C-alpha atoms as a PDB file:
ATOM      1  CA  MET A   1       3.080  17.865 -19.218  1.00  0.00           C
ATOM      2  CA  THR A   2       6.115  18.980 -18.068  1.00  0.00           C
ATOM      3  CA  SER A   3       8.456  16.522 -16.704  1.00  0.00           C
ATOM      4  CA  ASP A   4       9.360  16.019 -13.161  1.00  0.00           C
ATOM      5  CA  GLU A   5      13.017  16.524 -13.700  1.00  0.00           C
ATOM      6  CA  ALA A   6      12.264  19.828 -15.903  1.00  0.00           C
ATOM      7  CA  LEU A   7      10.014  21.426 -12.565  1.00  0.00           C
ATOM      8  CA  ILE A   8      12.580  20.696  -9.875  1.00  0.00           C
ATOM      9  CA  LEU A   9      14.906  22.887 -12.711  1.00  0.00           C
ATOM     10  CA  ASP A  10      12.879  25.368 -12.857  1.00  0.00           C
ATOM     11  CA  PHE A  11      12.659  25.068  -8.948  1.00  0.00           C
ATOM     12  CA  GLN A  12      16.108  25.359  -8.713  1.00  0.00           C
ATOM     13  CA  ARG A  13      15.657  29.126 -10.483  1.00  0.00           C
ATOM     14  CA  GLY A  14      12.841  29.946  -8.687  1.00  0.00           C
ATOM     15  CA  SER A  15       9.893  28.841  -9.648  1.00  0.00           C
ATOM     16  CA  ARG A  16       7.020  28.583  -6.684  1.00  0.00           C
ATOM     17  CA  GLU A  17       4.633  26.911  -9.446  1.00  0.00           C
ATOM     18  CA  ALA A  18       7.044  24.104 -10.766  1.00  0.00           C
ATOM     19  CA  PHE A  19       7.221  23.229  -6.616  1.00  0.00           C
ATOM     20  CA  ASP A  20       3.282  23.661  -6.465  1.00  0.00           C
ATOM     21  CA  GLU A  21       2.591  21.172  -9.457  1.00  0.00           C
ATOM     22  CA  LEU A  22       5.221  18.244  -7.972  1.00  0.00           C
ATOM     23  CA  TYR A  23       3.784  18.668  -4.442  1.00  0.00           C
ATOM     24  CA  ALA A  24       0.740  17.967  -6.200  1.00  0.00           C
ATOM     25  CA  ARG A  25       1.781  15.398  -8.047  1.00  0.00           C
ATOM     26  CA  TYR A  26       3.247  13.807  -5.492  1.00  0.00           C
ATOM     27  CA  ARG A  27       1.368  14.279  -1.942  1.00  0.00           C
ATOM     28  CA  GLN A  28      -0.822  11.273  -2.462  1.00  0.00           C
ATOM     29  CA  PRO A  29       1.425   8.656  -3.412  1.00  0.00           C
ATOM     30  CA  LEU A  30       4.527   9.917  -0.908  1.00  0.00           C
ATOM     31  CA  TYR A  31       1.258  10.236   2.087  1.00  0.00           C
ATOM     32  CA  GLY A  32       0.329   6.866   0.549  1.00  0.00           C
ATOM     33  CA  PHE A  33       3.900   4.921   1.070  1.00  0.00           C
ATOM     34  CA  PHE A  34       4.622   6.312   4.189  1.00  0.00           C
ATOM     35  CA  ARG A  35       0.469   4.830   5.811  1.00  0.00           C
ATOM     36  CA  ARG A  36       0.833   1.636   4.272  1.00  0.00           C
ATOM     37  CA  ARG A  37       4.354   1.978   6.421  1.00  0.00           C
ATOM     38  CA  LEU A  38       3.563   2.943   9.456  1.00  0.00           C
ATOM     39  CA  ASP A  39       0.618   2.616  12.409  1.00  0.00           C
ATOM     40  CA  THR A  40      -1.076   6.338  12.025  1.00  0.00           C
ATOM     41  CA  ASP A  41      -2.324   8.877   9.511  1.00  0.00           C
ATOM     42  CA  LEU A  42      -0.959  11.618  11.533  1.00  0.00           C
ATOM     43  CA  ARG A  43       2.328  10.215  11.660  1.00  0.00           C
ATOM     44  CA  ALA A  44       2.388   9.171   7.744  1.00  0.00           C
ATOM     45  CA  GLU A  45       1.071  12.717   6.621  1.00  0.00           C
ATOM     46  CA  ASP A  46       3.952  14.234   8.667  1.00  0.00           C
ATOM     47  CA  LEU A  47       6.793  12.310   7.081  1.00  0.00           C
ATOM     48  CA  ALA A  48       5.124  13.263   3.470  1.00  0.00           C
ATOM     49  CA  GLN A  49       5.451  17.122   5.079  1.00  0.00           C
ATOM     50  CA  GLU A  50       9.173  16.351   5.962  1.00  0.00           C
ATOM     51  CA  SER A  51      10.085  14.750   2.049  1.00  0.00           C
ATOM     52  CA  PHE A  52       8.705  17.545   0.881  1.00  0.00           C
ATOM     53  CA  LEU A  53      10.426  20.072   3.426  1.00  0.00           C
ATOM     54  CA  ALA A  54      13.066  18.162   2.466  1.00  0.00           C
ATOM     55  CA  VAL A  55      13.416  18.366  -1.275  1.00  0.00           C
ATOM     56  CA  ILE A  56      12.669  22.332  -0.494  1.00  0.00           C
ATOM     57  CA  ARG A  57      16.046  22.505   1.382  1.00  0.00           C
ATOM     58  CA  GLY A  58      18.150  20.636  -0.552  1.00  0.00           C
ATOM     59  CA  SER A  59      16.618  21.988  -3.877  1.00  0.00           C
ATOM     60  CA  ALA A  60      19.964  23.275  -4.469  1.00  0.00           C
ATOM     61  CA  ARG A  61      21.832  19.846  -4.494  1.00  0.00           C
ATOM     62  CA  TYR A  62      19.779  18.291  -7.199  1.00  0.00           C
ATOM     63  CA  GLU A  63      21.589  17.016 -10.008  1.00  0.00           C
ATOM     64  CA  PRO A  64      19.368  15.402 -13.034  1.00  0.00           C
ATOM     65  CA  ARG A  65      21.355  12.124 -12.609  1.00  0.00           C
ATOM     66  CA  ALA A  66      18.251  10.052 -11.820  1.00  0.00           C
ATOM     67  CA  LEU A  67      14.653  10.833 -11.948  1.00  0.00           C
ATOM     68  CA  PHE A  68      12.878  12.921  -9.793  1.00  0.00           C
ATOM     69  CA  ARG A  69      10.484  10.013  -8.526  1.00  0.00           C
ATOM     70  CA  THR A  70      13.397   8.381  -7.703  1.00  0.00           C
ATOM     71  CA  TYR A  71      14.817  10.869  -5.648  1.00  0.00           C
ATOM     72  CA  LEU A  72      11.911  11.963  -3.292  1.00  0.00           C
ATOM     73  CA  TYR A  73      11.380   8.385  -2.666  1.00  0.00           C
ATOM     74  CA  GLY A  74      15.013   7.928  -1.195  1.00  0.00           C
ATOM     75  CA  ILE A  75      14.152  10.927   0.630  1.00  0.00           C
ATOM     76  CA  ALA A  76      11.312   9.027   2.020  1.00  0.00           C
ATOM     77  CA  LEU A  77      13.441   6.210   2.524  1.00  0.00           C
ATOM     78  CA  ASN A  78      15.684   7.176   5.070  1.00  0.00           C
ATOM     79  CA  LEU A  79      13.179   9.624   6.923  1.00  0.00           C
ATOM     80  CA  LEU A  80      11.081   6.532   7.313  1.00  0.00           C
ATOM     81  CA  ALA A  81      14.135   4.343   8.210  1.00  0.00           C
ATOM     82  CA  ALA A  82      15.408   7.305  11.117  1.00  0.00           C
ATOM     83  CA  GLU A  83      11.688   6.661  12.288  1.00  0.00           C
ATOM     84  CA  ARG A  84      12.127   3.226  12.790  1.00  0.00           C
ATOM     85  CA  ARG A  85      15.335   3.622  14.344  1.00  0.00           C
ATOM     86  CA  LYS A  86      13.826   6.505  16.705  1.00  0.00           C
ATOM     87  CA  HIS A  87      11.035   4.388  17.567  1.00  0.00           C
ATOM     88  CA  ARG A  88      13.223   1.326  17.769  1.00  0.00           C
ATOM     89  CA  GLN A  89      14.770   3.139  20.936  1.00  0.00           C
ATOM     90  CA  SER A  90      12.379   4.319  22.814  1.00  0.00           C
ATOM     91  CA  THR A  91       9.414   1.617  24.142  1.00  0.00           C
ATOM     92  CA  THR A  92       7.078   2.212  22.226  1.00  0.00           C
ATOM     93  CA  PRO A  93       7.563   0.473  18.517  1.00  0.00           C
ATOM     94  CA  VAL A  94       6.703   1.422  15.155  1.00  0.00           C
ATOM     95  CA  SER A  95       4.695  -1.291  13.140  1.00  0.00           C
ATOM     96  CA  GLU A  96       4.213  -2.049  10.242  1.00  0.00           C
ATOM     97  CA  SER A  97       0.493  -1.080   8.700  1.00  0.00           C
ATOM     98  CA  ASP A  98      -1.339  -2.850  12.011  1.00  0.00           C
ATOM     99  CA  ALA A  99      -4.217  -0.247  11.299  1.00  0.00           C
ATOM    100  CA  THR A 100      -7.010  -1.802   9.853  1.00  0.00           C
ATOM    101  CA  SER A 101     -10.133   0.071   9.923  1.00  0.00           C
ATOM    102  CA  ASP A 102     -13.610  -2.171  10.516  1.00  0.00           C
ATOM    103  CA  SER A 103     -14.696  -1.079   6.946  1.00  0.00           C
ATOM    104  CA  ALA A 104     -11.440  -2.759   5.157  1.00  0.00           C
ATOM    105  CA  PRO A 105     -12.644  -6.123   3.301  1.00  0.00           C
ATOM    106  CA  ASP A 106     -11.078  -8.868   4.192  1.00  0.00           C
ATOM    107  CA  ARG A 107      -9.328  -9.172   1.082  1.00  0.00           C
ATOM    108  CA  ASP A 108      -6.975  -6.716   1.881  1.00  0.00           C
ATOM    109  CA  LEU A 109      -6.477  -7.411   4.921  1.00  0.00           C
ATOM    110  CA  TRP A 110      -5.751 -10.736   3.825  1.00  0.00           C
ATOM    111  CA  VAL A 111      -2.731  -9.031   1.933  1.00  0.00           C
ATOM    112  CA  ARG A 112      -1.799  -6.467   4.098  1.00  0.00           C
ATOM    113  CA  GLN A 113      -0.837 -10.287   6.810  1.00  0.00           C
ATOM    114  CA  ALA A 114       0.918 -11.645   3.960  1.00  0.00           C
ATOM    115  CA  LEU A 115       2.961  -8.711   3.275  1.00  0.00           C
ATOM    116  CA  LYS A 116       3.657  -8.268   7.669  1.00  0.00           C
ATOM    117  CA  LYS A 117       5.140 -12.169   7.139  1.00  0.00           C
ATOM    118  CA  LEU A 118       7.448 -11.269   4.843  1.00  0.00           C
ATOM    119  CA  ASP A 119      11.359 -10.471   5.484  1.00  0.00           C
ATOM    120  CA  ARG A 120      11.599  -5.869   6.148  1.00  0.00           C
ATOM    121  CA  ASN A 121      13.543  -6.331   2.488  1.00  0.00           C
ATOM    122  CA  ASP A 122      11.334  -8.234   0.463  1.00  0.00           C
ATOM    123  CA  ARG A 123       8.196  -6.327   1.539  1.00  0.00           C
ATOM    124  CA  GLU A 124       9.942  -3.293   0.877  1.00  0.00           C
ATOM    125  CA  ILE A 125      10.825  -4.149  -2.818  1.00  0.00           C
ATOM    126  CA  LEU A 126       7.439  -5.595  -3.501  1.00  0.00           C
ATOM    127  CA  MET A 127       6.143  -2.643  -1.611  1.00  0.00           C
ATOM    128  CA  LEU A 128       7.867  -0.145  -3.891  1.00  0.00           C
ATOM    129  CA  ARG A 129       7.311  -2.171  -7.481  1.00  0.00           C
ATOM    130  CA  GLU A 130       3.470  -3.096  -6.688  1.00  0.00           C
ATOM    131  CA  TYR A 131       2.299  -0.115  -4.589  1.00  0.00           C
ATOM    132  CA  GLU A 132       3.996   2.463  -5.529  1.00  0.00           C
ATOM    133  CA  GLN A 133       5.041   1.392  -9.189  1.00  0.00           C
ATOM    134  CA  LEU A 134       8.595   2.391  -9.612  1.00  0.00           C
ATOM    135  CA  THR A 135      10.334   0.583 -12.575  1.00  0.00           C
ATOM    136  CA  TYR A 136      12.703  -1.696 -11.490  1.00  0.00           C
ATOM    137  CA  THR A 137      16.170   0.329 -13.037  1.00  0.00           C
ATOM    138  CA  GLU A 138      14.340   3.066 -10.607  1.00  0.00           C
ATOM    139  CA  ILE A 139      14.154   0.497  -7.674  1.00  0.00           C
ATOM    140  CA  ALA A 140      17.844  -0.428  -8.585  1.00  0.00           C
ATOM    141  CA  GLU A 141      18.770   2.996  -8.355  1.00  0.00           C
ATOM    142  CA  LEU A 142      17.094   3.441  -5.531  1.00  0.00           C
ATOM    143  CA  LEU A 143      18.120   0.830  -2.886  1.00  0.00           C
ATOM    144  CA  ARG A 144      21.788   1.099  -4.472  1.00  0.00           C
ATOM    145  CA  VAL A 145      21.834  -2.425  -5.562  1.00  0.00           C
ATOM    146  CA  PRO A 146      22.251  -4.312  -9.078  1.00  0.00           C
ATOM    147  CA  LEU A 147      19.401  -4.395 -11.430  1.00  0.00           C
ATOM    148  CA  ASN A 148      19.153  -8.277 -11.508  1.00  0.00           C
ATOM    149  CA  THR A 149      19.548  -8.645  -7.110  1.00  0.00           C
ATOM    150  CA  VAL A 150      16.171  -6.410  -7.843  1.00  0.00           C
ATOM    151  CA  ARG A 151      14.938  -8.632 -10.163  1.00  0.00           C
ATOM    152  CA  THR A 152      16.089 -11.919  -7.798  1.00  0.00           C
ATOM    153  CA  ARG A 153      14.147 -10.186  -4.559  1.00  0.00           C
ATOM    154  CA  LEU A 154      11.036  -9.417  -6.513  1.00  0.00           C
ATOM    155  CA  PHE A 155      10.371 -13.153  -7.356  1.00  0.00           C
ATOM    156  CA  ARG A 156      11.584 -14.532  -3.773  1.00  0.00           C
ATOM    157  CA  ALA A 157       9.132 -12.286  -2.863  1.00  0.00           C
ATOM    158  CA  ARG A 158       6.190 -12.934  -4.753  1.00  0.00           C
ATOM    159  CA  ILE A 159       6.479 -16.344  -4.740  1.00  0.00           C
ATOM    160  CA  LYS A 160       6.830 -15.904  -0.457  1.00  0.00           C
ATOM    161  CA  LEU A 161       4.280 -13.621  -0.556  1.00  0.00           C
ATOM    162  CA  LYS A 162       2.005 -16.209  -3.289  1.00  0.00           C
ATOM    163  CA  SER A 163       2.149 -18.953  -0.700  1.00  0.00           C
ATOM    164  CA  TYR A 164       1.471 -17.155   2.228  1.00  0.00           C
ATOM    165  CA  LEU A 165      -2.003 -16.019   0.162  1.00  0.00           C
ATOM    166  CA  GLN A 166      -2.925 -19.537  -0.842  1.00  0.00           C
ATOM    167  CA  PRO A 167      -5.128 -21.818   1.912  1.00  0.00           C
ATOM    168  CA  LYS A 168      -3.632 -24.096   4.320  1.00  0.00           C
ATOM    169  CA  GLU A 169      -4.410 -26.895   3.288  1.00  0.00           C
ATOM    170  CA  LEU A 170      -4.471 -26.166  -0.802  1.00  0.00           C
ATOM    171  CA  VAL A 171      -0.250 -25.462  -0.022  1.00  0.00           C
ATOM    172  CA  ARG A 172      -0.530 -29.590   1.441  1.00  0.00           C
ATOM    173  CA  ARG A 173      -2.491 -30.928  -1.537  1.00  0.00           C
ATOM    174  CA  ASN A 174       0.240 -28.587  -3.917  1.00  0.00           C
ATOM    175  CA  ARG A 175       3.088 -30.430  -1.714  1.00  0.00           C
ATOM    176  CA  ALA A 176       1.617 -33.780  -1.588  1.00  0.00           C
ATOM    177  CA  ALA A 177       1.222 -33.769  -4.777  1.00  0.00           C
ATOM    178  CA  GLY A 178       4.641 -32.416  -5.574  1.00  0.00           C
ATOM    179  CA  THR A 179       4.027 -29.455  -7.263  1.00  0.00           C
ATOM    180  CA  GLY A 180       5.012 -26.938  -4.743  1.00  0.00           C
ATOM    181  CA  THR A 181       3.448 -23.470  -3.601  1.00  0.00           C
ATOM    182  CA  ALA A 182       4.217 -21.580  -6.733  1.00  0.00           C
ATOM    183  CA  ALA A 183       2.205 -24.170  -8.614  1.00  0.00           C
ATOM    184  CA  GLY A 184      -1.167 -23.639 -10.394  1.00  0.00           C
ATOM    185  CA  ASP A 185      -1.793 -19.817 -10.852  1.00  0.00           C
ATOM    186  CA  ASP A 186      -5.367 -20.420 -11.056  1.00  0.00           C
ATOM    187  CA  GLY A 187      -6.106 -19.568  -7.406  1.00  0.00           C
ATOM    188  CA  PRO A 188      -7.612 -21.451  -4.325  1.00  0.00           C
ATOM    189  CA  GLU A 189     -10.532 -22.117  -6.367  1.00  0.00           C
ATOM    190  CA  GLU A 190      -8.645 -24.192  -8.460  1.00  0.00           C
ATOM    191  CA  GLY A 191      -6.984 -26.255  -5.705  1.00  0.00           C
ATOM    192  CA  MET A 192     -10.443 -26.668  -3.603  1.00  0.00           C
ATOM    193  CA  ARG A 193     -13.024 -28.462  -6.149  1.00  0.00           C
END
Protein backbone atom coordinates (compact mmCIF):
# COMPACT_ATOMS: atom_id res chain seq x y z
CA MET A 1 0.00 0.00 0.00
CA THR A 2 1.38 3.37 -1.02
CA SER A 3 1.78 5.95 1.74
CA ASP A 4 -0.35 9.09 1.77
CA GLU A 5 2.77 11.21 1.45
CA ALA A 6 3.90 9.33 -1.68
CA LEU A 7 0.41 9.73 -3.16
CA ILE A 8 0.30 13.50 -2.63
CA LEU A 9 3.75 13.82 -4.17
CA ASP A 10 2.55 11.74 -7.15
CA PHE A 11 -0.47 14.03 -7.39
CA GLN A 12 1.86 17.02 -7.46
CA ARG A 13 3.50 15.41 -10.50
CA GLY A 14 0.11 15.07 -12.21
CA SER A 15 -1.26 11.68 -11.20
CA ARG A 16 -5.05 11.83 -11.03
CA GLU A 17 -5.12 8.26 -9.71
CA ALA A 18 -3.03 9.32 -6.71
CA PHE A 19 -5.60 11.96 -5.77
CA ASP A 20 -8.45 9.50 -6.32
CA GLU A 21 -6.79 7.12 -3.86
CA LEU A 22 -6.34 9.87 -1.24
CA TYR A 23 -9.97 10.87 -1.74
CA ALA A 24 -11.11 7.27 -1.31
CA ARG A 25 -9.06 6.92 1.90
CA TYR A 26 -10.17 10.16 3.54
CA ARG A 27 -13.65 10.99 2.18
CA GLN A 28 -15.56 9.19 4.95
CA PRO A 29 -13.21 10.06 7.85
CA LEU A 30 -13.27 13.73 6.85
CA TYR A 31 -17.05 13.73 6.50
CA GLY A 32 -17.27 12.16 9.97
CA PHE A 33 -14.95 14.84 11.35
CA PHE A 34 -17.34 17.57 10.18
CA ARG A 35 -20.54 15.64 10.95
CA ARG A 36 -19.59 15.26 14.60
CA ARG A 37 -19.07 19.00 14.86
CA LEU A 38 -21.90 20.50 12.77
CA ASP A 39 -25.69 20.39 12.65
CA THR A 40 -26.35 19.14 9.15
CA ASP A 41 -25.19 16.30 6.96
CA LEU A 42 -25.26 18.60 3.96
CA ARG A 43 -22.92 21.20 5.46
CA ALA A 44 -20.58 18.46 6.68
CA GLU A 45 -20.43 17.05 3.15
CA ASP A 46 -19.83 20.54 1.71
CA LEU A 47 -16.92 21.21 4.06
CA ALA A 48 -15.41 17.79 3.38
CA GLN A 49 -15.51 18.62 -0.35
CA GLU A 50 -14.04 22.07 0.30
CA SER A 51 -11.19 20.38 2.18
CA PHE A 52 -10.33 18.30 -0.86
CA LEU A 53 -10.59 21.37 -3.09
CA ALA A 54 -8.10 23.09 -0.79
CA VAL A 55 -5.78 20.10 -1.17
CA ILE A 56 -6.05 20.39 -4.95
CA ARG A 57 -5.44 24.15 -4.91
CA GLY A 58 -2.55 23.87 -2.45
CA SER A 59 -0.95 20.71 -3.76
CA ALA A 60 1.95 22.60 -5.35
CA ARG A 61 2.81 24.09 -1.94
CA TYR A 62 2.61 20.80 -0.02
CA GLU A 63 5.92 19.71 1.48
CA PRO A 64 6.20 16.36 3.23
CA ARG A 65 7.40 17.85 6.53
CA ALA A 66 4.41 16.33 8.31
CA LEU A 67 2.06 13.48 7.58
CA PHE A 68 -0.54 14.13 4.88
CA ARG A 69 -3.23 13.25 7.40
CA THR A 70 -2.07 16.07 9.69
CA TYR A 71 -2.04 18.44 6.71
CA LEU A 72 -5.58 17.42 5.71
CA TYR A 73 -7.01 17.75 9.22
CA GLY A 74 -5.29 21.13 9.53
CA ILE A 75 -7.23 22.26 6.47
CA ALA A 76 -10.40 20.81 7.99
CA LEU A 77 -9.86 22.62 11.30
CA ASN A 78 -9.32 25.91 9.46
CA LEU A 79 -12.52 25.44 7.45
CA LEU A 80 -14.41 24.55 10.61
CA ALA A 81 -13.12 27.68 12.37
CA ALA A 82 -14.16 29.82 9.40
CA GLU A 83 -17.61 28.18 9.42
CA ARG A 84 -18.04 28.90 13.11
CA ARG A 85 -16.95 32.52 12.67
CA LYS A 86 -19.36 32.95 9.77
CA HIS A 87 -22.28 31.60 11.77
CA ARG A 88 -21.33 33.51 14.89
CA GLN A 89 -21.74 36.73 12.91
CA SER A 90 -25.09 35.63 11.46
CA THR A 91 -28.32 35.22 13.36
CA THR A 92 -28.33 31.43 13.05
CA PRO A 93 -25.48 30.04 15.13
CA VAL A 94 -23.90 26.75 14.20
CA SER A 95 -24.05 24.37 17.11
CA GLU A 96 -22.14 21.29 18.05
CA SER A 97 -23.80 18.06 16.87
CA ASP A 98 -27.29 18.69 18.23
CA ALA A 99 -28.94 16.68 15.51
CA THR A 100 -29.63 13.12 16.50
CA SER A 101 -31.93 10.63 14.92
CA ASP A 102 -34.66 8.93 16.92
CA SER A 103 -32.94 5.61 16.27
CA ALA A 104 -29.68 6.73 17.91
CA PRO A 105 -28.94 4.55 20.93
CA ASP A 106 -29.33 6.22 24.31
CA ARG A 107 -25.67 5.60 25.08
CA ASP A 108 -24.50 7.49 21.98
CA LEU A 109 -26.80 10.36 22.87
CA TRP A 110 -25.50 10.32 26.44
CA VAL A 111 -21.88 10.51 25.23
CA ARG A 112 -22.68 13.29 22.73
CA GLN A 113 -24.39 15.32 25.44
CA ALA A 114 -21.44 14.84 27.77
CA LEU A 115 -19.03 15.91 25.00
CA LYS A 116 -21.07 19.08 24.47
CA LYS A 117 -20.52 19.99 28.14
CA LEU A 118 -16.75 20.02 27.65
CA ASP A 119 -14.90 23.23 26.91
CA ARG A 120 -14.40 23.58 23.13
CA ASN A 121 -10.61 23.04 23.37
CA ASP A 122 -11.02 19.95 25.55
CA ARG A 123 -13.71 18.57 23.26
CA GLU A 124 -11.63 19.16 20.14
CA ILE A 125 -8.48 17.48 21.46
CA LEU A 126 -10.50 14.51 22.71
CA MET A 127 -12.33 14.14 19.41
CA LEU A 128 -9.10 14.37 17.41
CA ARG A 129 -7.66 11.53 19.47
CA GLU A 130 -10.67 9.27 19.93
CA TYR A 131 -12.72 9.82 16.75
CA GLU A 132 -10.09 10.82 14.20
CA GLN A 133 -7.48 8.50 15.78
CA LEU A 134 -4.68 11.04 15.44
CA THR A 135 -1.51 10.35 17.41
CA TYR A 136 -0.40 12.70 20.17
CA THR A 137 2.37 13.94 17.89
CA GLU A 138 -0.07 14.61 15.04
CA ILE A 139 -2.38 16.52 17.38
CA ALA A 140 0.56 18.58 18.68
CA GLU A 141 1.58 19.48 15.12
CA LEU A 142 -1.98 20.22 14.10
CA LEU A 143 -2.76 22.46 17.07
CA ARG A 144 0.78 23.87 17.21
CA VAL A 145 1.26 23.06 20.89
CA PRO A 146 3.95 21.05 22.70
CA LEU A 147 3.46 17.29 22.95
CA ASN A 148 3.20 17.41 26.76
CA THR A 149 0.44 20.01 26.46
CA VAL A 150 -1.51 17.56 24.32
CA ARG A 151 -1.01 14.83 26.92
CA THR A 152 -2.10 17.09 29.76
CA ARG A 153 -5.15 18.47 27.96
CA LEU A 154 -6.22 15.03 26.84
CA PHE A 155 -5.88 13.65 30.37
CA ARG A 156 -7.95 16.50 31.80
CA ALA A 157 -10.57 16.20 29.06
CA ARG A 158 -10.97 12.49 29.73
CA ILE A 159 -11.37 13.10 33.48
CA LYS A 160 -14.02 15.77 32.83
CA LEU A 161 -15.83 13.56 30.32
CA LYS A 162 -15.82 10.67 32.75
CA SER A 163 -17.31 12.87 35.46
CA TYR A 164 -20.08 13.95 33.07
CA LEU A 165 -20.80 10.35 32.12
CA GLN A 166 -21.11 9.08 35.68
CA PRO A 167 -24.61 9.05 37.11
CA LYS A 168 -25.09 11.90 39.59
CA GLU A 169 -25.77 9.51 42.44
CA LEU A 170 -22.42 7.76 41.88
CA VAL A 171 -20.61 11.12 41.78
CA ARG A 172 -22.21 12.09 45.12
CA ARG A 173 -21.24 8.74 46.67
CA ASN A 174 -17.65 9.04 45.40
CA ARG A 175 -17.33 12.55 46.78
CA ALA A 176 -18.82 11.50 50.12
CA ALA A 177 -16.39 8.59 50.24
CA GLY A 178 -13.50 10.90 49.35
CA THR A 179 -12.73 9.16 46.07
CA GLY A 180 -13.60 12.04 43.75
CA THR A 181 -15.07 11.71 40.28
CA ALA A 182 -12.08 9.92 38.77
CA ALA A 183 -12.30 6.92 41.09
CA GLY A 184 -13.20 3.42 40.06
CA ASP A 185 -13.04 2.35 36.45
CA ASP A 186 -15.65 -0.30 37.14
CA GLY A 187 -18.44 1.82 35.69
CA PRO A 188 -21.77 2.91 37.11
CA GLU A 189 -22.86 -0.63 38.00
CA GLU A 190 -20.24 -0.95 40.72
CA GLY A 191 -21.38 2.23 42.45
CA MET A 192 -25.02 1.19 42.37
CA ARG A 193 -24.64 -2.19 44.12
